[in-house]
């Protein structure tokens, strides 16, 4: 399922519902400054229909999140942060 195009900085991208949900949770968590959040979103947008686990893995690999933070986001999903 594709959600509407979202504007991130000067770029436009289409992301899956799963990606959108993960990025929304990441934003709500306040783990990243806005500039890093935008960079992370652009990184994730380059993936082909990733699972939330794949998103977490790439954000850890690229240094945006620690393993602990990624695991916590995956556990919490849309629960209380």
N, C-alpha and C. Protein backbone atom coordinates (compact mmCIF):
# COMPACT_ATOMS: atom_id res chain seq x y z
N UNK A 1 0.84 -1.19 0.00
CA UNK A 1 0.00 0.00 0.00
C UNK A 1 0.88 1.24 0.00
N UNK A 2 0.61 2.16 -0.87
CA UNK A 2 1.37 3.40 -0.97
C UNK A 2 0.53 4.53 -0.38
N UNK A 3 1.18 5.33 0.46
CA UNK A 3 0.49 6.49 1.04
C UNK A 3 0.82 7.71 0.20
N UNK A 4 0.08 8.79 0.38
CA UNK A 4 0.31 9.99 -0.44
C UNK A 4 1.76 10.48 -0.33
N UNK A 5 2.16 11.17 -1.35
CA UNK A 5 3.50 11.75 -1.37
C UNK A 5 3.69 12.67 -0.18
N UNK A 6 4.83 12.56 0.46
CA UNK A 6 5.16 13.40 1.60
C UNK A 6 6.33 14.29 1.21
N UNK A 7 6.30 15.52 1.67
CA UNK A 7 7.38 16.45 1.38
C UNK A 7 8.41 16.38 2.49
N UNK A 8 9.63 16.13 2.13
CA UNK A 8 10.74 16.12 3.08
C UNK A 8 11.80 17.04 2.51
N UNK A 9 12.01 18.17 3.18
CA UNK A 9 12.97 19.16 2.73
C UNK A 9 12.61 19.56 1.30
N UNK A 10 13.55 19.45 0.38
CA UNK A 10 13.30 19.83 -1.01
C UNK A 10 12.91 18.63 -1.87
N UNK A 11 12.76 17.47 -1.27
CA UNK A 11 12.53 16.24 -2.02
C UNK A 11 11.10 15.76 -1.84
N UNK A 12 10.63 15.02 -2.80
CA UNK A 12 9.33 14.37 -2.69
C UNK A 12 9.57 12.87 -2.82
N UNK A 13 8.83 12.12 -2.00
CA UNK A 13 9.00 10.68 -2.06
C UNK A 13 7.67 10.00 -1.78
N UNK A 14 7.51 8.79 -2.26
CA UNK A 14 6.37 7.97 -1.93
C UNK A 14 6.88 6.86 -1.03
N UNK A 15 6.19 6.65 0.07
CA UNK A 15 6.61 5.63 1.01
C UNK A 15 5.43 4.73 1.35
N UNK A 16 5.75 3.50 1.74
CA UNK A 16 4.71 2.55 2.13
C UNK A 16 4.12 2.95 3.48
N UNK A 17 3.00 2.36 3.80
CA UNK A 17 2.35 2.64 5.08
C UNK A 17 3.28 2.24 6.23
N UNK A 18 3.95 1.11 6.11
CA UNK A 18 4.87 0.64 7.14
C UNK A 18 6.00 1.64 7.37
N UNK A 19 6.54 2.15 6.28
CA UNK A 19 7.62 3.14 6.36
C UNK A 19 7.11 4.42 7.00
N UNK A 20 5.95 4.86 6.57
CA UNK A 20 5.36 6.08 7.12
C UNK A 20 5.13 5.95 8.62
N UNK A 21 4.61 4.80 9.05
CA UNK A 21 4.36 4.56 10.47
C UNK A 21 5.66 4.60 11.27
N UNK A 22 6.70 3.96 10.75
CA UNK A 22 7.98 3.93 11.47
C UNK A 22 8.57 5.33 11.56
N UNK A 23 8.54 6.08 10.47
CA UNK A 23 9.10 7.43 10.48
C UNK A 23 8.29 8.36 11.38
N UNK A 24 6.99 8.16 11.44
CA UNK A 24 6.16 8.95 12.34
C UNK A 24 6.53 8.65 13.79
N UNK A 25 6.70 7.39 14.11
CA UNK A 25 7.10 7.01 15.46
C UNK A 25 8.49 7.58 15.79
N UNK A 26 9.40 7.51 14.83
CA UNK A 26 10.74 8.05 15.04
C UNK A 26 10.66 9.55 15.32
N UNK A 27 9.82 10.25 14.58
CA UNK A 27 9.67 11.69 14.80
C UNK A 27 9.10 11.96 16.19
N UNK A 28 8.06 11.21 16.58
CA UNK A 28 7.45 11.40 17.90
C UNK A 28 8.43 11.11 19.04
N UNK A 29 9.38 10.24 18.78
CA UNK A 29 10.33 9.85 19.82
C UNK A 29 11.33 10.95 20.16
N UNK A 30 11.50 11.90 19.26
CA UNK A 30 12.48 12.99 19.43
C UNK A 30 13.91 12.47 19.60
N UNK A 31 14.20 11.32 19.02
CA UNK A 31 15.55 10.77 19.10
C UNK A 31 16.52 11.50 18.18
N UNK A 32 16.01 12.05 17.09
CA UNK A 32 16.87 12.70 16.11
C UNK A 32 16.51 14.17 15.95
N UNK A 33 17.52 15.02 15.74
CA UNK A 33 17.21 16.40 15.37
C UNK A 33 16.52 16.40 14.00
N UNK A 34 15.81 17.47 13.71
CA UNK A 34 15.03 17.56 12.46
C UNK A 34 15.88 17.27 11.22
N UNK A 35 17.07 17.81 11.16
CA UNK A 35 17.92 17.61 9.97
C UNK A 35 18.28 16.13 9.80
N UNK A 36 18.60 15.45 10.91
CA UNK A 36 18.92 14.02 10.84
C UNK A 36 17.68 13.20 10.49
N UNK A 37 16.54 13.62 11.01
CA UNK A 37 15.29 12.93 10.69
C UNK A 37 15.00 13.01 9.19
N UNK A 38 15.21 14.17 8.62
CA UNK A 38 15.00 14.33 7.17
C UNK A 38 15.99 13.48 6.38
N UNK A 39 17.25 13.48 6.80
CA UNK A 39 18.25 12.64 6.12
C UNK A 39 17.89 11.16 6.23
N UNK A 40 17.45 10.74 7.42
CA UNK A 40 17.07 9.35 7.63
C UNK A 40 15.87 8.99 6.75
N UNK A 41 14.91 9.90 6.63
CA UNK A 41 13.74 9.66 5.79
C UNK A 41 14.14 9.50 4.32
N UNK A 42 15.09 10.30 3.88
CA UNK A 42 15.57 10.18 2.50
C UNK A 42 16.30 8.85 2.28
N UNK A 43 17.04 8.43 3.28
CA UNK A 43 17.73 7.13 3.21
C UNK A 43 16.72 6.00 3.08
N UNK A 44 15.71 6.04 3.93
CA UNK A 44 14.68 5.00 3.94
C UNK A 44 13.88 5.02 2.65
N UNK A 45 13.64 6.18 2.08
CA UNK A 45 12.86 6.29 0.85
C UNK A 45 13.53 5.59 -0.33
N UNK A 46 14.82 5.37 -0.22
CA UNK A 46 15.55 4.70 -1.31
C UNK A 46 15.38 3.18 -1.26
N UNK A 47 14.85 2.66 -0.16
CA UNK A 47 14.65 1.22 -0.02
C UNK A 47 13.37 0.81 -0.73
N UNK A 48 13.36 -0.40 -1.24
CA UNK A 48 12.20 -0.90 -1.99
C UNK A 48 11.25 -1.63 -1.04
N UNK A 49 10.19 -0.94 -0.60
CA UNK A 49 9.15 -1.49 0.26
C UNK A 49 9.72 -2.26 1.46
N UNK A 50 10.49 -1.56 2.30
CA UNK A 50 11.14 -2.23 3.42
C UNK A 50 10.18 -2.56 4.57
N UNK A 51 10.54 -3.57 5.33
CA UNK A 51 9.80 -3.84 6.56
C UNK A 51 10.30 -2.86 7.62
N UNK A 52 9.59 -2.77 8.73
CA UNK A 52 10.04 -1.89 9.79
C UNK A 52 11.37 -2.37 10.36
N UNK A 53 11.59 -3.68 10.40
CA UNK A 53 12.88 -4.21 10.87
C UNK A 53 14.00 -3.77 9.94
N UNK A 54 13.77 -3.83 8.63
CA UNK A 54 14.78 -3.40 7.66
C UNK A 54 15.08 -1.91 7.81
N UNK A 55 14.05 -1.11 8.07
CA UNK A 55 14.25 0.32 8.28
C UNK A 55 15.12 0.54 9.51
N UNK A 56 14.77 -0.13 10.60
CA UNK A 56 15.55 0.00 11.83
C UNK A 56 17.00 -0.41 11.59
N UNK A 57 17.21 -1.51 10.89
CA UNK A 57 18.57 -2.01 10.62
C UNK A 57 19.40 -1.00 9.84
N UNK A 58 18.81 -0.41 8.80
CA UNK A 58 19.57 0.54 7.98
C UNK A 58 19.86 1.82 8.76
N UNK A 59 18.95 2.24 9.62
CA UNK A 59 19.19 3.45 10.42
C UNK A 59 20.27 3.21 11.47
N UNK A 60 20.37 1.99 11.96
CA UNK A 60 21.48 1.63 12.86
C UNK A 60 22.78 1.58 12.07
N UNK A 61 22.74 0.91 10.94
CA UNK A 61 23.93 0.77 10.08
C UNK A 61 24.49 2.14 9.67
N UNK A 62 23.60 3.08 9.39
CA UNK A 62 24.02 4.41 8.96
C UNK A 62 24.31 5.36 10.13
N UNK A 63 24.14 4.87 11.35
CA UNK A 63 24.52 5.65 12.52
C UNK A 63 23.47 6.62 13.05
N UNK A 64 22.25 6.53 12.55
CA UNK A 64 21.19 7.41 13.04
C UNK A 64 20.66 6.94 14.39
N UNK A 65 20.63 5.63 14.60
CA UNK A 65 20.12 5.05 15.83
C UNK A 65 21.10 4.03 16.38
N UNK A 66 21.02 3.80 17.69
CA UNK A 66 21.76 2.68 18.29
C UNK A 66 20.89 1.44 18.16
N UNK A 67 21.48 0.27 18.41
CA UNK A 67 20.68 -0.96 18.39
C UNK A 67 19.57 -0.89 19.43
N UNK A 68 19.90 -0.36 20.59
CA UNK A 68 18.90 -0.24 21.66
C UNK A 68 17.73 0.64 21.22
N UNK A 69 18.04 1.79 20.65
CA UNK A 69 16.97 2.70 20.21
C UNK A 69 16.09 2.04 19.15
N UNK A 70 16.72 1.38 18.19
CA UNK A 70 15.97 0.72 17.12
C UNK A 70 15.08 -0.38 17.69
N UNK A 71 15.63 -1.18 18.60
CA UNK A 71 14.83 -2.24 19.21
C UNK A 71 13.67 -1.67 19.99
N UNK A 72 13.91 -0.60 20.69
CA UNK A 72 12.85 0.04 21.50
C UNK A 72 11.74 0.56 20.58
N UNK A 73 12.10 1.19 19.47
CA UNK A 73 11.10 1.68 18.52
C UNK A 73 10.27 0.52 17.96
N UNK A 74 10.93 -0.57 17.66
CA UNK A 74 10.21 -1.73 17.12
C UNK A 74 9.28 -2.34 18.16
N UNK A 75 9.67 -2.32 19.41
CA UNK A 75 8.83 -2.84 20.49
C UNK A 75 7.63 -1.94 20.75
N UNK A 76 7.87 -0.66 20.78
CA UNK A 76 6.85 0.30 21.17
C UNK A 76 5.83 0.52 20.06
N UNK A 77 6.31 0.61 18.82
CA UNK A 77 5.47 0.95 17.66
C UNK A 77 4.68 2.21 17.99
N UNK A 78 3.39 2.09 18.16
CA UNK A 78 2.59 3.27 18.44
C UNK A 78 2.11 3.34 19.88
N UNK A 79 2.74 2.58 20.75
CA UNK A 79 2.44 2.68 22.18
C UNK A 79 3.08 3.93 22.75
N UNK A 80 2.96 4.11 24.02
CA UNK A 80 3.55 5.29 24.68
C UNK A 80 5.06 5.20 24.63
N UNK A 81 5.70 6.25 24.22
CA UNK A 81 7.15 6.32 24.20
C UNK A 81 7.57 6.76 25.54
